Amino acid sequence: MNNSGRNDNEKGSISLLGSNKTAYSFDYTPEVLESFPNKHPGNDYFVKFNCPEFTSLCPITGQPDFATIYISYIPDEKMVESKSLKLYLFSFRNHGDFHEDCVNIIMKDLIKLMDPKYIEVWGKFLPRGGLSIDPYCNYGKPGTKWEEVAWKRLTEHDMYPEKIDNR
C-alpha cells in the first residue's frame, strides 16, 4: 500500500494524481498522458469527458480557437487518468493545428495510450469569422463488434443536430 491507500498494481503508471508539483506544458505534450488498469475489462461501459475550456491556435493566423471537446470511450485493459488528460489538453494551448487535426491527434494519442475497445472525439469549436466547425472522429477496435459500431456512429452521429444556444 502507498499513501493513497492503493497498492502500486492498482495505480498503474500514475504519477501526476496527488502530486503537488504539477507542471503545465505550453507545448503539445502527449508524453504527459498516463493510464491505469481498468478494474472491469469484461464490462462494456462508456467513460465520457467534457472539456469546455479547450484552446488551440490557428496554424495560419496564430489566433486562438476555443472549443468544448467531448471524449467518450469504452475501455479495454487500460483507462486514461483524468489529471494527465487535463494537462495533455492544456498542452494544445499554444499548438497550431486546424480543428480537424486537433480531434484526430487527440483520438490517436488516446488509442496509443489505452488501446480502447471504442473511442470518439468531437470538437465543438466556437465561431470565428461567423463560422463554427465541429469535427468528429471515432475508432472501433478492428475485428471486433466495436469496429462496426464505429462505422454506424460515424455515419449517423449528426442525424439529429442539437439545438445550439450557447454560441
Protein backbone atom coordinates (compact mmCIF):
# COMPACT_ATOMS: atom_id res chain seq x y z
CA MET A 1 0.00 0.00 0.00
CA ASN A 2 1.10 3.55 -0.71
CA ASN A 3 -0.04 6.88 0.76
CA SER A 4 -3.21 6.93 -1.34
CA GLY A 5 -4.46 3.63 0.09
CA ARG A 6 -3.95 1.83 -3.22
CA ASN A 7 -1.33 -0.72 -3.96
CA ASP A 8 1.09 0.09 -6.77
CA ASN A 9 -0.52 -2.52 -9.04
CA GLU A 10 -3.88 -0.71 -8.89
CA LYS A 11 -2.17 2.59 -9.52
CA GLY A 12 -0.60 1.53 -12.82
CA SER A 13 1.72 4.18 -14.21
CA ILE A 14 0.06 7.15 -12.49
CA SER A 15 2.48 9.75 -11.15
CA LEU A 16 0.58 13.04 -11.55
CA LEU A 17 -2.53 12.38 -9.46
CA GLY A 18 -1.96 13.64 -5.94
CA SER A 19 1.27 15.39 -6.88
CA ASN A 20 1.53 18.99 -5.70
CA LYS A 21 4.30 19.68 -8.22
CA THR A 22 2.16 19.91 -11.35
CA ALA A 23 3.95 21.38 -14.36
CA TYR A 24 1.85 22.88 -17.15
CA SER A 25 3.37 22.49 -20.59
CA PHE A 26 2.62 25.19 -23.13
CA ASP A 27 3.75 22.95 -25.99
CA TYR A 28 1.95 19.86 -27.31
CA THR A 29 2.98 17.11 -24.87
CA PRO A 30 1.46 13.66 -25.44
CA GLU A 31 4.05 12.17 -23.05
CA VAL A 32 2.11 13.58 -20.10
CA LEU A 33 -0.76 11.10 -20.66
CA GLU A 34 -0.96 8.35 -18.05
CA SER A 35 -3.08 5.23 -17.79
CA PHE A 36 -4.17 2.85 -15.07
CA PRO A 37 -5.65 -0.66 -15.15
CA ASN A 38 -9.39 -1.00 -15.80
CA LYS A 39 -10.89 -2.95 -12.90
CA HIS A 40 -13.83 -4.05 -15.10
CA PRO A 41 -12.39 -5.03 -18.51
CA GLY A 42 -15.14 -7.62 -19.00
CA ASN A 43 -17.84 -4.95 -18.84
CA ASP A 44 -18.66 -2.69 -21.76
CA TYR A 45 -19.29 0.83 -20.48
CA PHE A 46 -18.71 4.39 -21.62
CA VAL A 47 -16.41 6.87 -19.93
CA LYS A 48 -17.08 10.43 -21.07
CA PHE A 49 -15.02 13.57 -20.60
CA ASN A 50 -16.40 17.03 -21.35
CA CYS A 51 -13.63 19.57 -21.76
CA PRO A 52 -15.28 23.01 -22.16
CA GLU A 53 -12.08 25.07 -21.97
CA PHE A 54 -10.02 23.60 -24.83
CA THR A 55 -7.82 26.12 -26.63
CA SER A 56 -5.51 25.77 -29.60
CA LEU A 57 -4.10 28.15 -32.19
CA CYS A 58 -4.90 28.56 -35.86
CA PRO A 59 -1.77 27.37 -37.69
CA ILE A 60 -2.10 30.15 -40.28
CA THR A 61 -3.14 33.26 -38.32
CA GLY A 62 -1.99 32.31 -34.82
CA GLN A 63 -5.40 33.36 -33.46
CA PRO A 64 -6.83 31.32 -30.59
CA ASP A 65 -9.57 28.77 -31.19
CA PHE A 66 -11.86 27.77 -28.34
CA ALA A 67 -13.88 24.58 -28.11
CA THR A 68 -15.59 22.03 -25.97
CA ILE A 69 -14.00 18.66 -26.62
CA TYR A 70 -16.11 15.58 -25.90
CA ILE A 71 -14.20 12.34 -25.46
CA SER A 72 -16.17 9.12 -25.00
CA TYR A 73 -14.58 5.72 -24.87
CA ILE A 74 -15.20 2.11 -23.93
CA PRO A 75 -12.10 0.93 -22.09
CA ASP A 76 -10.43 -2.43 -22.51
CA GLU A 77 -7.49 -3.14 -20.20
CA LYS A 78 -6.40 0.47 -19.59
CA MET A 79 -8.05 3.79 -18.77
CA VAL A 80 -6.76 7.34 -19.07
CA GLU A 81 -6.04 9.15 -15.83
CA SER A 82 -8.07 12.39 -15.76
CA LYS A 83 -5.42 14.78 -14.39
CA SER A 84 -2.98 13.69 -17.08
CA LEU A 85 -5.73 14.17 -19.69
CA LYS A 86 -6.34 17.69 -18.39
CA LEU A 87 -2.64 18.53 -18.63
CA TYR A 88 -2.45 16.95 -22.09
CA LEU A 89 -5.39 19.01 -23.37
CA PHE A 90 -3.84 22.12 -21.81
CA SER A 91 -0.69 21.44 -23.84
CA PHE A 92 -2.63 22.36 -27.00
CA ARG A 93 -2.83 25.95 -25.70
CA ASN A 94 -0.01 27.19 -27.96
CA HIS A 95 -0.22 24.39 -30.50
CA GLY A 96 -1.07 25.42 -34.04
CA ASP A 97 -3.34 22.96 -35.85
CA PHE A 98 -6.65 23.00 -37.65
CA HIS A 99 -9.75 21.88 -35.72
CA GLU A 100 -9.97 18.60 -37.64
CA ASP A 101 -6.33 17.83 -36.87
CA CYS A 102 -6.75 18.52 -33.15
CA VAL A 103 -9.56 16.00 -32.67
CA ASN A 104 -7.77 13.34 -34.73
CA ILE A 105 -4.50 13.87 -32.85
CA ILE A 106 -6.31 13.59 -29.51
CA MET A 107 -8.03 10.38 -30.60
CA LYS A 108 -4.83 8.80 -31.94
CA ASP A 109 -2.85 9.67 -28.82
CA LEU A 110 -5.54 8.11 -26.60
CA ILE A 111 -5.66 4.99 -28.78
CA LYS A 112 -1.88 4.67 -28.45
CA LEU A 113 -2.12 5.11 -24.67
CA MET A 114 -5.08 2.82 -23.90
CA ASP A 115 -5.95 0.64 -26.90
CA PRO A 116 -9.67 1.09 -26.08
CA LYS A 117 -12.49 -1.04 -27.47
CA TYR A 118 -14.10 2.12 -28.86
CA ILE A 119 -13.42 5.86 -28.75
CA GLU A 120 -14.88 9.03 -30.22
CA VAL A 121 -13.74 12.63 -30.05
CA TRP A 122 -16.00 15.51 -31.01
CA GLY A 123 -14.85 19.13 -31.05
CA LYS A 124 -17.43 21.90 -30.78
CA PHE A 125 -15.42 24.96 -31.74
CA LEU A 126 -16.74 28.47 -31.17
CA PRO A 127 -17.28 30.52 -34.31
CA ARG A 128 -14.54 32.66 -35.72
CA GLY A 129 -15.41 34.79 -38.71
CA GLY A 130 -19.06 33.73 -38.40
CA LEU A 131 -18.39 30.01 -38.88
CA SER A 132 -18.18 27.23 -36.33
CA ILE A 133 -16.56 23.88 -37.10
CA ASP A 134 -17.49 20.69 -35.25
CA PRO A 135 -15.18 17.84 -36.33
CA TYR A 136 -15.97 14.32 -35.16
CA CYS A 137 -13.81 11.21 -35.36
CA ASN A 138 -14.08 7.74 -33.91
CA TYR A 139 -12.45 4.31 -33.84
CA GLY A 140 -13.55 0.78 -33.05
CA LYS A 141 -11.01 -1.96 -32.38
CA PRO A 142 -10.52 -3.85 -35.68
CA GLY A 143 -12.03 -7.32 -35.87
CA THR A 144 -14.47 -6.67 -33.03
CA LYS A 145 -18.10 -5.58 -32.84
CA TRP A 146 -16.78 -2.11 -31.97
CA GLU A 147 -15.41 -1.68 -35.49
CA GLU A 148 -18.99 -1.97 -36.79
CA VAL A 149 -20.31 0.32 -34.05
CA ALA A 150 -17.72 2.94 -35.04
CA TRP A 151 -18.85 2.90 -38.67
CA LYS A 152 -22.52 3.16 -37.70
CA ARG A 153 -21.90 6.04 -35.26
CA LEU A 154 -19.74 7.83 -37.80
CA THR A 155 -22.39 7.68 -40.49
CA GLU A 156 -25.23 8.63 -38.11
CA HIS A 157 -23.55 10.79 -35.47
CA ASP A 158 -25.17 14.06 -36.53
CA MET A 159 -28.55 12.92 -37.87
CA TYR A 160 -30.29 14.79 -35.07
CA PRO A 161 -28.34 18.05 -34.68
CA GLU A 162 -28.51 19.60 -31.28
CA LYS A 163 -30.12 22.93 -30.57
CA ILE A 164 -27.33 25.48 -30.44
CA ASP A 165 -27.99 28.04 -27.74
CA ASN A 166 -24.52 28.71 -26.41
CA ARG A 167 -22.79 30.21 -29.47
